């Protein structure tokens, strides 16, 4: 995606937007953000696309085992501050590590809650 020609990326972006827009069965999108890097410019583009399509999304920080444990709460707060004014952002950031199985139960519970109408 990132190394594709601009016209192709624009075409894919339009296709994704059209897919997302008006999808009443789509309850929430989970946007995976690498905790080592935080929200990058490309991530901002995705969040903006979701905002424009009015699709609810929740940020999930991944690979939290790759940063110092003390830095995780700070990163969550920084991420919350970045998404606070975004209209489609769900105001809870989840932190996960597949390697340590940290936060996975919380992620599964969040998905189940949304899937069951909660």
PDB file of N, CA and C in Angstrom:
ATOM      1  N   UNK A   1       0.836  -1.199   0.000  1.00  0.00           N
ATOM      2  CA  UNK A   1       0.000   0.000   0.000  1.00  0.00           C
ATOM      3  C   UNK A   1       0.870   1.249   0.000  1.00  0.00           C
ATOM      4  N   UNK A   2       1.827   1.326   0.912  1.00  0.00           N
ATOM      5  CA  UNK A   2       2.655   2.528   1.046  1.00  0.00           C
ATOM      6  C   UNK A   2       3.567   2.737  -0.159  1.00  0.00           C
ATOM      7  N   UNK A   3       3.989   1.648  -0.803  1.00  0.00           N
ATOM      8  CA  UNK A   3       4.920   1.802  -1.915  1.00  0.00           C
ATOM      9  C   UNK A   3       4.213   1.790  -3.273  1.00  0.00           C
ATOM     10  N   UNK A   4       2.900   1.768  -3.265  1.00  0.00           N
ATOM     11  CA  UNK A   4       2.149   1.780  -4.526  1.00  0.00           C
ATOM     12  C   UNK A   4       2.137   3.190  -5.113  1.00  0.00           C
ATOM     13  N   UNK A   5       1.939   3.291  -6.427  1.00  0.00           N
ATOM     14  CA  UNK A   5       1.840   4.617  -7.052  1.00  0.00           C
ATOM     15  C   UNK A   5       0.660   5.406  -6.470  1.00  0.00           C
ATOM     16  N   UNK A   6       0.798   6.727  -6.447  1.00  0.00           N
ATOM     17  CA  UNK A   6      -0.208   7.590  -5.823  1.00  0.00           C
ATOM     18  C   UNK A   6      -1.600   7.385  -6.408  1.00  0.00           C
ATOM     19  N   UNK A   7      -1.703   7.220  -7.721  1.00  0.00           N
ATOM     20  CA  UNK A   7      -3.031   7.032  -8.317  1.00  0.00           C
ATOM     21  C   UNK A   7      -3.681   5.734  -7.843  1.00  0.00           C
ATOM     22  N   UNK A   8      -2.864   4.699  -7.624  1.00  0.00           N
ATOM     23  CA  UNK A   8      -3.382   3.432  -7.098  1.00  0.00           C
ATOM     24  C   UNK A   8      -3.845   3.612  -5.654  1.00  0.00           C
ATOM     25  N   UNK A   9      -3.040   4.290  -4.851  1.00  0.00           N
ATOM     26  CA  UNK A   9      -3.397   4.536  -3.453  1.00  0.00           C
ATOM     27  C   UNK A   9      -4.693   5.333  -3.385  1.00  0.00           C
ATOM     28  N   UNK A  10      -4.824   6.350  -4.230  1.00  0.00           N
ATOM     29  CA  UNK A  10      -6.051   7.152  -4.269  1.00  0.00           C
ATOM     30  C   UNK A  10      -7.255   6.288  -4.647  1.00  0.00           C
ATOM     31  N   UNK A  11      -7.050   5.410  -5.602  1.00  0.00           N
ATOM     32  CA  UNK A  11      -8.120   4.512  -6.044  1.00  0.00           C
ATOM     33  C   UNK A  11      -8.541   3.577  -4.905  1.00  0.00           C
ATOM     34  N   UNK A  12      -7.557   3.004  -4.196  1.00  0.00           N
ATOM     35  CA  UNK A  12      -7.850   2.102  -3.081  1.00  0.00           C
ATOM     36  C   UNK A  12      -8.529   2.848  -1.937  1.00  0.00           C
ATOM     37  N   UNK A  13      -8.077   4.067  -1.683  1.00  0.00           N
ATOM     38  CA  UNK A  13      -8.670   4.876  -0.618  1.00  0.00           C
ATOM     39  C   UNK A  13     -10.140   5.139  -0.915  1.00  0.00           C
ATOM     40  N   UNK A  14     -10.435   5.473  -2.155  1.00  0.00           N
ATOM     41  CA  UNK A  14     -11.827   5.716  -2.559  1.00  0.00           C
ATOM     42  C   UNK A  14     -12.654   4.444  -2.399  1.00  0.00           C
ATOM     43  N   UNK A  15     -12.103   3.325  -2.809  1.00  0.00           N
ATOM     44  CA  UNK A  15     -12.787   2.040  -2.699  1.00  0.00           C
ATOM     45  C   UNK A  15     -13.070   1.699  -1.232  1.00  0.00           C
ATOM     46  N   UNK A  16     -12.087   1.889  -0.375  1.00  0.00           N
ATOM     47  CA  UNK A  16     -12.256   1.615   1.056  1.00  0.00           C
ATOM     48  C   UNK A  16     -13.310   2.537   1.649  1.00  0.00           C
ATOM     49  N   UNK A  17     -13.253   3.810   1.291  1.00  0.00           N
ATOM     50  CA  UNK A  17     -14.224   4.783   1.795  1.00  0.00           C
ATOM     51  C   UNK A  17     -15.640   4.375   1.397  1.00  0.00           C
ATOM     52  N   UNK A  18     -15.823   4.010   0.133  1.00  0.00           N
ATOM     53  CA  UNK A  18     -17.143   3.598  -0.345  1.00  0.00           C
ATOM     54  C   UNK A  18     -17.622   2.342   0.374  1.00  0.00           C
ATOM     55  N   UNK A  19     -16.699   1.430   0.645  1.00  0.00           N
ATOM     56  CA  UNK A  19     -17.053   0.211   1.376  1.00  0.00           C
ATOM     57  C   UNK A  19     -17.516   0.550   2.794  1.00  0.00           C
ATOM     58  N   UNK A  20     -16.790   1.423   3.460  1.00  0.00           N
ATOM     59  CA  UNK A  20     -17.088   1.752   4.851  1.00  0.00           C
ATOM     60  C   UNK A  20     -18.342   2.600   5.013  1.00  0.00           C
ATOM     61  N   UNK A  21     -18.544   3.512   4.102  1.00  0.00           N
ATOM     62  CA  UNK A  21     -19.636   4.470   4.229  1.00  0.00           C
ATOM     63  C   UNK A  21     -20.989   3.765   4.148  1.00  0.00           C
ATOM     64  N   UNK A  22     -21.810   4.025   5.133  1.00  0.00           N
ATOM     65  CA  UNK A  22     -23.156   3.479   5.131  1.00  0.00           C
ATOM     66  C   UNK A  22     -23.264   2.013   5.499  1.00  0.00           C
ATOM     67  N   UNK A  23     -22.225   1.422   6.022  1.00  0.00           N
ATOM     68  CA  UNK A  23     -22.258   0.024   6.451  1.00  0.00           C
ATOM     69  C   UNK A  23     -22.860  -0.059   7.847  1.00  0.00           C
ATOM     70  N   UNK A  24     -24.160  -0.207   7.934  1.00  0.00           N
ATOM     71  CA  UNK A  24     -24.813  -0.225   9.246  1.00  0.00           C
ATOM     72  C   UNK A  24     -24.446  -1.462  10.057  1.00  0.00           C
ATOM     73  N   UNK A  25     -24.046  -2.529   9.394  1.00  0.00           N
ATOM     74  CA  UNK A  25     -23.672  -3.747  10.119  1.00  0.00           C
ATOM     75  C   UNK A  25     -22.266  -3.665  10.703  1.00  0.00           C
ATOM     76  N   UNK A  26     -21.490  -2.703  10.262  1.00  0.00           N
ATOM     77  CA  UNK A  26     -20.136  -2.526  10.776  1.00  0.00           C
ATOM     78  C   UNK A  26     -20.207  -1.700  12.052  1.00  0.00           C
ATOM     79  N   UNK A  27     -20.032  -2.357  13.183  1.00  0.00           N
ATOM     80  CA  UNK A  27     -20.216  -1.699  14.477  1.00  0.00           C
ATOM     81  C   UNK A  27     -19.004  -0.874  14.893  1.00  0.00           C
ATOM     82  N   UNK A  28     -17.818  -1.393  14.663  1.00  0.00           N
ATOM     83  CA  UNK A  28     -16.611  -0.669  15.053  1.00  0.00           C
ATOM     84  C   UNK A  28     -15.410  -1.272  14.332  1.00  0.00           C
ATOM     85  N   UNK A  29     -14.467  -0.420  14.000  1.00  0.00           N
ATOM     86  CA  UNK A  29     -13.196  -0.837  13.416  1.00  0.00           C
ATOM     87  C   UNK A  29     -12.139  -0.708  14.507  1.00  0.00           C
ATOM     88  N   UNK A  30     -11.250  -1.668  14.584  1.00  0.00           N
ATOM     89  CA  UNK A  30     -10.150  -1.622  15.551  1.00  0.00           C
ATOM     90  C   UNK A  30      -8.879  -1.278  14.786  1.00  0.00           C
ATOM     91  N   UNK A  31      -8.312  -0.133  15.110  1.00  0.00           N
ATOM     92  CA  UNK A  31      -7.133   0.371  14.410  1.00  0.00           C
ATOM     93  C   UNK A  31      -5.906   0.001  15.231  1.00  0.00           C
ATOM     94  N   UNK A  32      -5.041  -0.831  14.655  1.00  0.00           N
ATOM     95  CA  UNK A  32      -3.842  -1.299  15.352  1.00  0.00           C
ATOM     96  C   UNK A  32      -2.702  -0.315  15.141  1.00  0.00           C
ATOM     97  N   UNK A  33      -2.143   0.138  16.259  1.00  0.00           N
ATOM     98  CA  UNK A  33      -1.041   1.103  16.240  1.00  0.00           C
ATOM     99  C   UNK A  33       0.140   0.492  16.984  1.00  0.00           C
ATOM    100  N   UNK A  34       1.286   0.453  16.348  1.00  0.00           N
ATOM    101  CA  UNK A  34       2.503  -0.070  16.968  1.00  0.00           C
ATOM    102  C   UNK A  34       2.930   0.865  18.099  1.00  0.00           C
ATOM    103  N   UNK A  35       2.977   0.346  19.319  1.00  0.00           N
ATOM    104  CA  UNK A  35       3.307   1.158  20.500  1.00  0.00           C
ATOM    105  C   UNK A  35       4.707   1.753  20.417  1.00  0.00           C
ATOM    106  N   UNK A  36       5.584   1.139  19.648  1.00  0.00           N
ATOM    107  CA  UNK A  36       6.948   1.669  19.530  1.00  0.00           C
ATOM    108  C   UNK A  36       6.983   2.978  18.754  1.00  0.00           C
ATOM    109  N   UNK A  37       5.951   3.218  17.942  1.00  0.00           N
ATOM    110  CA  UNK A  37       5.947   4.394  17.072  1.00  0.00           C
ATOM    111  C   UNK A  37       4.811   5.368  17.351  1.00  0.00           C
ATOM    112  N   UNK A  38       3.750   4.906  18.011  1.00  0.00           N
ATOM    113  CA  UNK A  38       2.591   5.763  18.233  1.00  0.00           C
ATOM    114  C   UNK A  38       1.875   6.040  16.922  1.00  0.00           C
ATOM    115  N   UNK A  39       0.973   7.000  16.952  1.00  0.00           N
ATOM    116  CA  UNK A  39       0.207   7.340  15.751  1.00  0.00           C
ATOM    117  C   UNK A  39       1.100   8.092  14.768  1.00  0.00           C
ATOM    118  N   UNK A  40       1.265   7.504  13.580  1.00  0.00           N
ATOM    119  CA  UNK A  40       2.087   8.112  12.533  1.00  0.00           C
ATOM    120  C   UNK A  40       1.180   8.789  11.504  1.00  0.00           C
ATOM    121  N   UNK A  41       1.788   9.472  10.557  1.00  0.00           N
ATOM    122  CA  UNK A  41       1.030  10.215   9.541  1.00  0.00           C
ATOM    123  C   UNK A  41       0.067   9.309   8.772  1.00  0.00           C
ATOM    124  N   UNK A  42       0.507   8.122   8.396  1.00  0.00           N
ATOM    125  CA  UNK A  42      -0.360   7.189   7.662  1.00  0.00           C
ATOM    126  C   UNK A  42      -1.537   6.754   8.531  1.00  0.00           C
ATOM    127  N   UNK A  43      -1.286   6.579   9.840  1.00  0.00           N
ATOM    128  CA  UNK A  43      -2.369   6.232  10.763  1.00  0.00           C
ATOM    129  C   UNK A  43      -3.386   7.365  10.834  1.00  0.00           C
ATOM    130  N   UNK A  44      -2.894   8.594  10.861  1.00  0.00           N
ATOM    131  CA  UNK A  44      -3.776   9.771  10.886  1.00  0.00           C
ATOM    132  C   UNK A  44      -4.681   9.776   9.655  1.00  0.00           C
ATOM    133  N   UNK A  45      -4.128   9.382   8.505  1.00  0.00           N
ATOM    134  CA  UNK A  45      -4.922   9.320   7.280  1.00  0.00           C
ATOM    135  C   UNK A  45      -6.059   8.313   7.420  1.00  0.00           C
ATOM    136  N   UNK A  46      -5.759   7.166   8.015  1.00  0.00           N
ATOM    137  CA  UNK A  46      -6.782   6.138   8.224  1.00  0.00           C
ATOM    138  C   UNK A  46      -7.855   6.652   9.176  1.00  0.00           C
ATOM    139  N   UNK A  47      -7.432   7.289  10.269  1.00  0.00           N
ATOM    140  CA  UNK A  47      -8.393   7.818  11.242  1.00  0.00           C
ATOM    141  C   UNK A  47      -9.289   8.877  10.592  1.00  0.00           C
ATOM    142  N   UNK A  48      -8.706   9.717   9.767  1.00  0.00           N
ATOM    143  CA  UNK A  48      -9.480  10.743   9.063  1.00  0.00           C
ATOM    144  C   UNK A  48     -10.484  10.102   8.108  1.00  0.00           C
ATOM    145  N   UNK A  49     -10.060   9.072   7.407  1.00  0.00           N
ATOM    146  CA  UNK A  49     -10.960   8.349   6.507  1.00  0.00           C
ATOM    147  C   UNK A  49     -12.142   7.770   7.289  1.00  0.00           C
ATOM    148  N   UNK A  50     -11.864   7.171   8.444  1.00  0.00           N
ATOM    149  CA  UNK A  50     -12.929   6.602   9.274  1.00  0.00           C
ATOM    150  C   UNK A  50     -13.847   7.692   9.816  1.00  0.00           C
ATOM    151  N   UNK A  51     -13.267   8.827  10.215  1.00  0.00           N
ATOM    152  CA  UNK A  51     -14.081   9.959  10.676  1.00  0.00           C
ATOM    153  C   UNK A  51     -15.023  10.426   9.567  1.00  0.00           C
ATOM    154  N   UNK A  52     -14.484  10.588   8.350  1.00  0.00           N
ATOM    155  CA  UNK A  52     -15.288  11.065   7.219  1.00  0.00           C
ATOM    156  C   UNK A  52     -16.387  10.077   6.850  1.00  0.00           C
ATOM    157  N   UNK A  53     -16.094   8.783   6.999  1.00  0.00           N
ATOM    158  CA  UNK A  53     -17.082   7.750   6.682  1.00  0.00           C
ATOM    159  C   UNK A  53     -18.045   7.519   7.846  1.00  0.00           C
ATOM    160  N   UNK A  54     -17.811   8.214   8.959  1.00  0.00           N
ATOM    161  CA  UNK A  54     -18.646   8.083  10.165  1.00  0.00           C
ATOM    162  C   UNK A  54     -18.684   6.646  10.674  1.00  0.00           C
ATOM    163  N   UNK A  55     -17.505   6.013  10.685  1.00  0.00           N
ATOM    164  CA  UNK A  55     -17.378   4.648  11.185  1.00  0.00           C
ATOM    165  C   UNK A  55     -16.671   4.700  12.537  1.00  0.00           C
ATOM    166  N   UNK A  56     -17.338   4.197  13.559  1.00  0.00           N
ATOM    167  CA  UNK A  56     -16.751   4.161  14.896  1.00  0.00           C
ATOM    168  C   UNK A  56     -15.478   3.309  14.875  1.00  0.00           C
ATOM    169  N   UNK A  57     -14.449   3.795  15.554  1.00  0.00           N
ATOM    170  CA  UNK A  57     -13.211   3.026  15.638  1.00  0.00           C
ATOM    171  C   UNK A  57     -12.596   3.160  17.019  1.00  0.00           C
ATOM    172  N   UNK A  58     -11.792   2.165  17.359  1.00  0.00           N
ATOM    173  CA  UNK A  58     -11.086   2.159  18.633  1.00  0.00           C
ATOM    174  C   UNK A  58      -9.624   1.854  18.354  1.00  0.00           C
ATOM    175  N   UNK A  59      -8.755   2.615  18.993  1.00  0.00           N
ATOM    176  CA  UNK A  59      -7.321   2.419  18.812  1.00  0.00           C
ATOM    177  C   UNK A  59      -6.844   1.313  19.749  1.00  0.00           C
ATOM    178  N   UNK A  60      -6.045   0.397  19.183  1.00  0.00           N
ATOM    179  CA  UNK A  60      -5.434  -0.684  19.945  1.00  0.00           C
ATOM    180  C   UNK A  60      -3.925  -0.555  19.777  1.00  0.00           C
ATOM    181  N   UNK A  61      -3.240  -0.295  20.869  1.00  0.00           N
ATOM    182  CA  UNK A  61      -1.778  -0.230  20.835  1.00  0.00           C
ATOM    183  C   UNK A  61      -1.237  -1.652  20.889  1.00  0.00           C
ATOM    184  N   UNK A  62      -0.384  -1.994  19.943  1.00  0.00           N
ATOM    185  CA  UNK A  62       0.190  -3.340  19.885  1.00  0.00           C
ATOM    186  C   UNK A  62       1.663  -3.291  20.290  1.00  0.00           C
ATOM    187  N   UNK A  63       2.208  -4.450  20.565  1.00  0.00           N
ATOM    188  CA  UNK A  63       3.640  -4.595  20.882  1.00  0.00           C
ATOM    189  C   UNK A  63       4.052  -3.763  22.094  1.00  0.00           C
ATOM    190  N   UNK A  64       3.175  -3.671  23.080  1.00  0.00           N
ATOM    191  CA  UNK A  64       3.510  -2.878  24.270  1.00  0.00           C
ATOM    192  C   UNK A  64       4.645  -3.501  25.070  1.00  0.00           C
ATOM    193  N   UNK A  65       4.945  -4.771  24.822  1.00  0.00           N
ATOM    194  CA  UNK A  65       6.081  -5.409  25.487  1.00  0.00           C
ATOM    195  C   UNK A  65       7.414  -4.861  24.967  1.00  0.00           C
ATOM    196  N   UNK A  66       7.384  -4.165  23.859  1.00  0.00           N
ATOM    197  CA  UNK A  66       8.608  -3.630  23.250  1.00  0.00           C
ATOM    198  C   UNK A  66       8.991  -2.251  23.785  1.00  0.00           C
ATOM    199  N   UNK A  67       8.140  -1.680  24.653  1.00  0.00           N
ATOM    200  CA  UNK A  67       8.484  -0.406  25.290  1.00  0.00           C
ATOM    201  C   UNK A  67       8.505  -0.617  26.800  1.00  0.00           C
ATOM    202  N   UNK A  68       9.101   0.312  27.522  1.00  0.00           N
ATOM    203  CA  UNK A  68       9.168   0.192  28.978  1.00  0.00           C
ATOM    204  C   UNK A  68       7.760   0.213  29.561  1.00  0.00           C
ATOM    205  N   UNK A  69       7.527  -0.644  30.553  1.00  0.00           N
ATOM    206  CA  UNK A  69       6.198  -0.761  31.166  1.00  0.00           C
ATOM    207  C   UNK A  69       5.689   0.585  31.676  1.00  0.00           C
ATOM    208  N   UNK A  70       6.581   1.395  32.211  1.00  0.00           N
ATOM    209  CA  UNK A  70       6.183   2.705  32.737  1.00  0.00           C
ATOM    210  C   UNK A  70       5.723   3.644  31.626  1.00  0.00           C
ATOM    211  N   UNK A  71       6.120   3.372  30.403  1.00  0.00           N
ATOM    212  CA  UNK A  71       5.746   4.231  29.285  1.00  0.00           C
ATOM    213  C   UNK A  71       4.372   3.939  28.705  1.00  0.00           C
ATOM    214  N   UNK A  72       3.804   2.789  29.044  1.00  0.00           N
ATOM    215  CA  UNK A  72       2.508   2.406  28.473  1.00  0.00           C
ATOM    216  C   UNK A  72       1.389   3.355  28.902  1.00  0.00           C
ATOM    217  N   UNK A  73       1.219   3.645  30.205  1.00  0.00           N
ATOM    218  CA  UNK A  73       0.149   4.586  30.586  1.00  0.00           C
ATOM    219  C   UNK A  73       0.314   5.968  29.940  1.00  0.00           C
ATOM    220  N   UNK A  74       1.549   6.427  29.820  1.00  0.00           N
ATOM    221  CA  UNK A  74       1.806   7.723  29.188  1.00  0.00           C
ATOM    222  C   UNK A  74       1.414   7.685  27.710  1.00  0.00           C
ATOM    223  N   UNK A  75       1.758   6.592  27.035  1.00  0.00           N
ATOM    224  CA  UNK A  75       1.411   6.443  25.621  1.00  0.00           C
ATOM    225  C   UNK A  75      -0.107   6.388  25.433  1.00  0.00           C
ATOM    226  N   UNK A  76      -0.794   5.718  26.339  1.00  0.00           N
ATOM    227  CA  UNK A  76      -2.260   5.673  26.274  1.00  0.00           C
ATOM    228  C   UNK A  76      -2.818   7.085  26.400  1.00  0.00           C
ATOM    229  N   UNK A  77      -2.310   7.857  27.363  1.00  0.00           N
ATOM    230  CA  UNK A  77      -2.781   9.237  27.555  1.00  0.00           C
ATOM    231  C   UNK A  77      -2.478  10.109  26.335  1.00  0.00           C
ATOM    232  N   UNK A  78      -1.286   9.963  25.773  1.00  0.00           N
ATOM    233  CA  UNK A  78      -0.920  10.733  24.579  1.00  0.00           C
ATOM    234  C   UNK A  78      -1.831  10.376  23.399  1.00  0.00           C
ATOM    235  N   UNK A  79      -2.123   9.095  23.272  1.00  0.00           N
ATOM    236  CA  UNK A  79      -2.991   8.637  22.188  1.00  0.00           C
ATOM    237  C   UNK A  79      -4.407   9.166  22.379  1.00  0.00           C
ATOM    238  N   UNK A  80      -4.901   9.101  23.608  1.00  0.00           N
ATOM    239  CA  UNK A  80      -6.233   9.651  23.907  1.00  0.00           C
ATOM    240  C   UNK A  80      -6.304  11.134  23.568  1.00  0.00           C
ATOM    241  N   UNK A  81      -5.244  11.864  23.892  1.00  0.00           N
ATOM    242  CA  UNK A  81      -5.212  13.303  23.592  1.00  0.00           C
ATOM    243  C   UNK A  81      -5.281  13.541  22.082  1.00  0.00           C
ATOM    244  N   UNK A  82      -4.626  12.679  21.302  1.00  0.00           N
ATOM    245  CA  UNK A  82      -4.615  12.841  19.841  1.00  0.00           C
ATOM    246  C   UNK A  82      -5.964  12.526  19.201  1.00  0.00           C
ATOM    247  N   UNK A  83      -6.723  11.611  19.806  1.00  0.00           N
ATOM    248  CA  UNK A  83      -7.998  11.212  19.188  1.00  0.00           C
ATOM    249  C   UNK A  83      -9.209  11.896  19.824  1.00  0.00           C
ATOM    250  N   UNK A  84      -8.974  12.661  20.871  1.00  0.00           N
ATOM    251  CA  UNK A  84     -10.067  13.250  21.654  1.00  0.00           C
ATOM    252  C   UNK A  84     -11.077  14.015  20.806  1.00  0.00           C
ATOM    253  N   UNK A  85     -10.620  14.772  19.853  1.00  0.00           N
ATOM    254  CA  UNK A  85     -11.520  15.614  19.058  1.00  0.00           C
ATOM    255  C   UNK A  85     -11.982  14.952  17.767  1.00  0.00           C
ATOM    256  N   UNK A  86     -11.625  13.713  17.585  1.00  0.00           N
ATOM    257  CA  UNK A  86     -12.043  13.003  16.374  1.00  0.00           C
ATOM    258  C   UNK A  86     -13.460  12.469  16.580  1.00  0.00           C
ATOM    259  N   UNK A  87     -14.372  12.766  15.649  1.00  0.00           N
ATOM    260  CA  UNK A  87     -15.782  12.435  15.864  1.00  0.00           C
ATOM    261  C   UNK A  87     -16.118  10.946  15.939  1.00  0.00           C
ATOM    262  N   UNK A  88     -15.381  10.096  15.259  1.00  0.00           N
ATOM    263  CA  UNK A  88     -15.737   8.673  15.235  1.00  0.00           C
ATOM    264  C   UNK A  88     -14.909   7.829  16.200  1.00  0.00           C
ATOM    265  N   UNK A  89     -13.963   8.455  16.896  1.00  0.00           N
ATOM    266  CA  UNK A  89     -13.079   7.704  17.797  1.00  0.00           C
ATOM    267  C   UNK A  89     -13.798   7.308  19.075  1.00  0.00           C
ATOM    268  N   UNK A  90     -13.685   6.043  19.445  1.00  0.00           N
ATOM    269  CA  UNK A  90     -14.181   5.578  20.738  1.00  0.00           C
ATOM    270  C   UNK A  90     -13.129   5.981  21.765  1.00  0.00           C
ATOM    271  N   UNK A  91     -13.539   6.613  22.867  1.00  0.00           N
ATOM    272  CA  UNK A  91     -12.570   7.234  23.776  1.00  0.00           C
ATOM    273  C   UNK A  91     -11.892   6.307  24.785  1.00  0.00           C
ATOM    274  N   UNK A  92     -11.637   5.080  24.379  1.00  0.00           N
ATOM    275  CA  UNK A  92     -10.885   4.144  25.219  1.00  0.00           C
ATOM    276  C   UNK A  92      -9.808   3.531  24.336  1.00  0.00           C
ATOM    277  N   UNK A  93      -8.556   3.625  24.782  1.00  0.00           N
ATOM    278  CA  UNK A  93      -7.434   3.043  24.045  1.00  0.00           C
ATOM    279  C   UNK A  93      -7.026   1.756  24.751  1.00  0.00           C
ATOM    280  N   UNK A  94      -6.924   0.677  23.989  1.00  0.00           N
ATOM    281  CA  UNK A  94      -6.510  -0.606  24.543  1.00  0.00           C
ATOM    282  C   UNK A  94      -5.029  -0.829  24.262  1.00  0.00           C
ATOM    283  N   UNK A  95      -4.342  -1.465  25.202  1.00  0.00           N
ATOM    284  CA  UNK A  95      -2.917  -1.768  25.048  1.00  0.00           C
ATOM    285  C   UNK A  95      -2.740  -3.279  25.069  1.00  0.00           C
ATOM    286  N   UNK A  96      -2.022  -3.802  24.074  1.00  0.00           N
ATOM    287  CA  UNK A  96      -1.864  -5.250  23.959  1.00  0.00           C
ATOM    288  C   UNK A  96      -0.425  -5.654  23.654  1.00  0.00           C
ATOM    289  N   UNK A  97      -0.153  -6.909  23.962  1.00  0.00           N
ATOM    290  CA  UNK A  97       1.092  -7.545  23.557  1.00  0.00           C
ATOM    291  C   UNK A  97       0.766  -8.996  23.260  1.00  0.00           C
ATOM    292  N   UNK A  98       0.857  -9.394  22.012  1.00  0.00           N
ATOM    293  CA  UNK A  98       0.570 -10.793  21.686  1.00  0.00           C
ATOM    294  C   UNK A  98       1.661 -11.704  22.241  1.00  0.00           C
ATOM    295  N   UNK A  99       2.886 -11.197  22.289  1.00  0.00           N
ATOM    296  CA  UNK A  99       3.998 -11.988  22.805  1.00  0.00           C
ATOM    297  C   UNK A  99       3.811 -12.338  24.281  1.00  0.00           C
ATOM    298  N   UNK A 100       3.315 -11.385  25.061  1.00  0.00           N
ATOM    299  CA  UNK A 100       3.107 -11.587  26.506  1.00  0.00           C
ATOM    300  C   UNK A 100       1.647 -11.903  26.825  1.00  0.00           C
ATOM    301  N   UNK A 101       0.794 -11.927  25.819  1.00  0.00           N
ATOM    302  CA  UNK A 101      -0.652 -12.141  25.970  1.00  0.00           C
ATOM    303  C   UNK A 101      -1.284 -11.081  26.869  1.00  0.00           C
ATOM    304  N   UNK A 102      -0.697  -9.914  26.913  1.00  0.00           N
ATOM    305  CA  UNK A 102      -1.216  -8.825  27.753  1.00  0.00           C
ATOM    306  C   UNK A 102      -2.300  -8.061  27.006  1.00  0.00           C
ATOM    307  N   UNK A 103      -3.393  -7.792  27.689  1.00  0.00           N
ATOM    308  CA  UNK A 103      -4.468  -6.992  27.127  1.00  0.00           C
ATOM    309  C   UNK A 103      -5.360  -7.711  26.135  1.00  0.00           C
ATOM    310  N   UNK A 104      -5.063  -8.965  25.842  1.00  0.00           N
ATOM    311  CA  UNK A 104      -5.849  -9.684  24.839  1.00  0.00           C
ATOM    312  C   UNK A 104      -7.252 -10.006  25.338  1.00  0.00           C
ATOM    313  N   UNK A 105      -7.371 -10.353  26.621  1.00  0.00           N
ATOM    314  CA  UNK A 105      -8.703 -10.613  27.179  1.00  0.00           C
ATOM    315  C   UNK A 105      -9.560  -9.352  27.122  1.00  0.00           C
ATOM    316  N   UNK A 106      -8.951  -8.201  27.415  1.00  0.00           N
ATOM    317  CA  UNK A 106      -9.675  -6.931  27.357  1.00  0.00           C
ATOM    318  C   UNK A 106     -10.117  -6.619  25.926  1.00  0.00           C
ATOM    319  N   UNK A 107      -9.241  -6.893  24.969  1.00  0.00           N
ATOM    320  CA  UNK A 107      -9.583  -6.666  23.565  1.00  0.00           C
ATOM    321  C   UNK A 107     -10.728  -7.580  23.140  1.00  0.00           C
ATOM    322  N   UNK A 108     -10.633  -8.855  23.485  1.00  0.00           N
ATOM    323  CA  UNK A 108     -11.708  -9.797  23.144  1.00  0.00           C
ATOM    324  C   UNK A 108     -13.029  -9.374  23.782  1.00  0.00           C
ATOM    325  N   UNK A 109     -12.968  -8.947  25.037  1.00  0.00           N
ATOM    326  CA  UNK A 109     -14.181  -8.511  25.738  1.00  0.00           C
ATOM    327  C   UNK A 109     -14.787  -7.281  25.068  1.00  0.00           C
ATOM    328  N   UNK A 110     -13.940  -6.343  24.653  1.00  0.00           N
ATOM    329  CA  UNK A 110     -14.423  -5.133  23.978  1.00  0.00           C
ATOM    330  C   UNK A 110     -15.103  -5.488  22.660  1.00  0.00           C
ATOM    331  N   UNK A 111     -14.496  -6.395  21.909  1.00  0.00           N
ATOM    332  CA  UNK A 111     -15.079  -6.823  20.635  1.00  0.00           C
ATOM    333  C   UNK A 111     -16.409  -7.536  20.872  1.00  0.00           C
ATOM    334  N   UNK A 112     -16.443  -8.433  21.847  1.00  0.00           N
ATOM    335  CA  UNK A 112     -17.678  -9.172  22.149  1.00  0.00           C
ATOM    336  C   UNK A 112     -18.793  -8.228  22.575  1.00  0.00           C
ATOM    337  N   UNK A 113     -18.454  -7.238  23.379  1.00  0.00           N
ATOM    338  CA  UNK A 113     -19.454  -6.279  23.850  1.00  0.00           C
ATOM    339  C   UNK A 113     -20.078  -5.525  22.672  1.00  0.00           C
ATOM    340  N   UNK A 114     -19.237  -5.054  21.779  1.00  0.00           N
ATOM    341  CA  UNK A 114     -19.734  -4.320  20.608  1.00  0.00           C
ATOM    342  C   UNK A 114     -20.532  -5.253  19.691  1.00  0.00           C
ATOM    343  N   UNK A 115     -20.029  -6.460  19.484  1.00  0.00           N
ATOM    344  CA  UNK A 115     -20.703  -7.416  18.599  1.00  0.00           C
ATOM    345  C   UNK A 115     -22.083  -7.803  19.124  1.00  0.00           C
ATOM    346  N   UNK A 116     -22.232  -7.779  20.436  1.00  0.00           N
ATOM    347  CA  UNK A 116     -23.507  -8.150  21.055  1.00  0.00           C
ATOM    348  C   UNK A 116     -24.398  -6.948  21.327  1.00  0.00           C
ATOM    349  N   UNK A 117     -24.062  -5.820  20.715  1.00  0.00           N
ATOM    350  CA  UNK A 117     -24.917  -4.643  20.817  1.00  0.00           C
ATOM    351  C   UNK A 117     -24.684  -3.772  22.030  1.00  0.00           C
ATOM    352  N   UNK A 118     -23.601  -4.021  22.772  1.00  0.00           N
ATOM    353  CA  UNK A 118     -23.342  -3.233  23.984  1.00  0.00           C
ATOM    354  C   UNK A 118     -22.526  -2.008  23.765  1.00  0.00           C
TER     355      UNK A 118
END
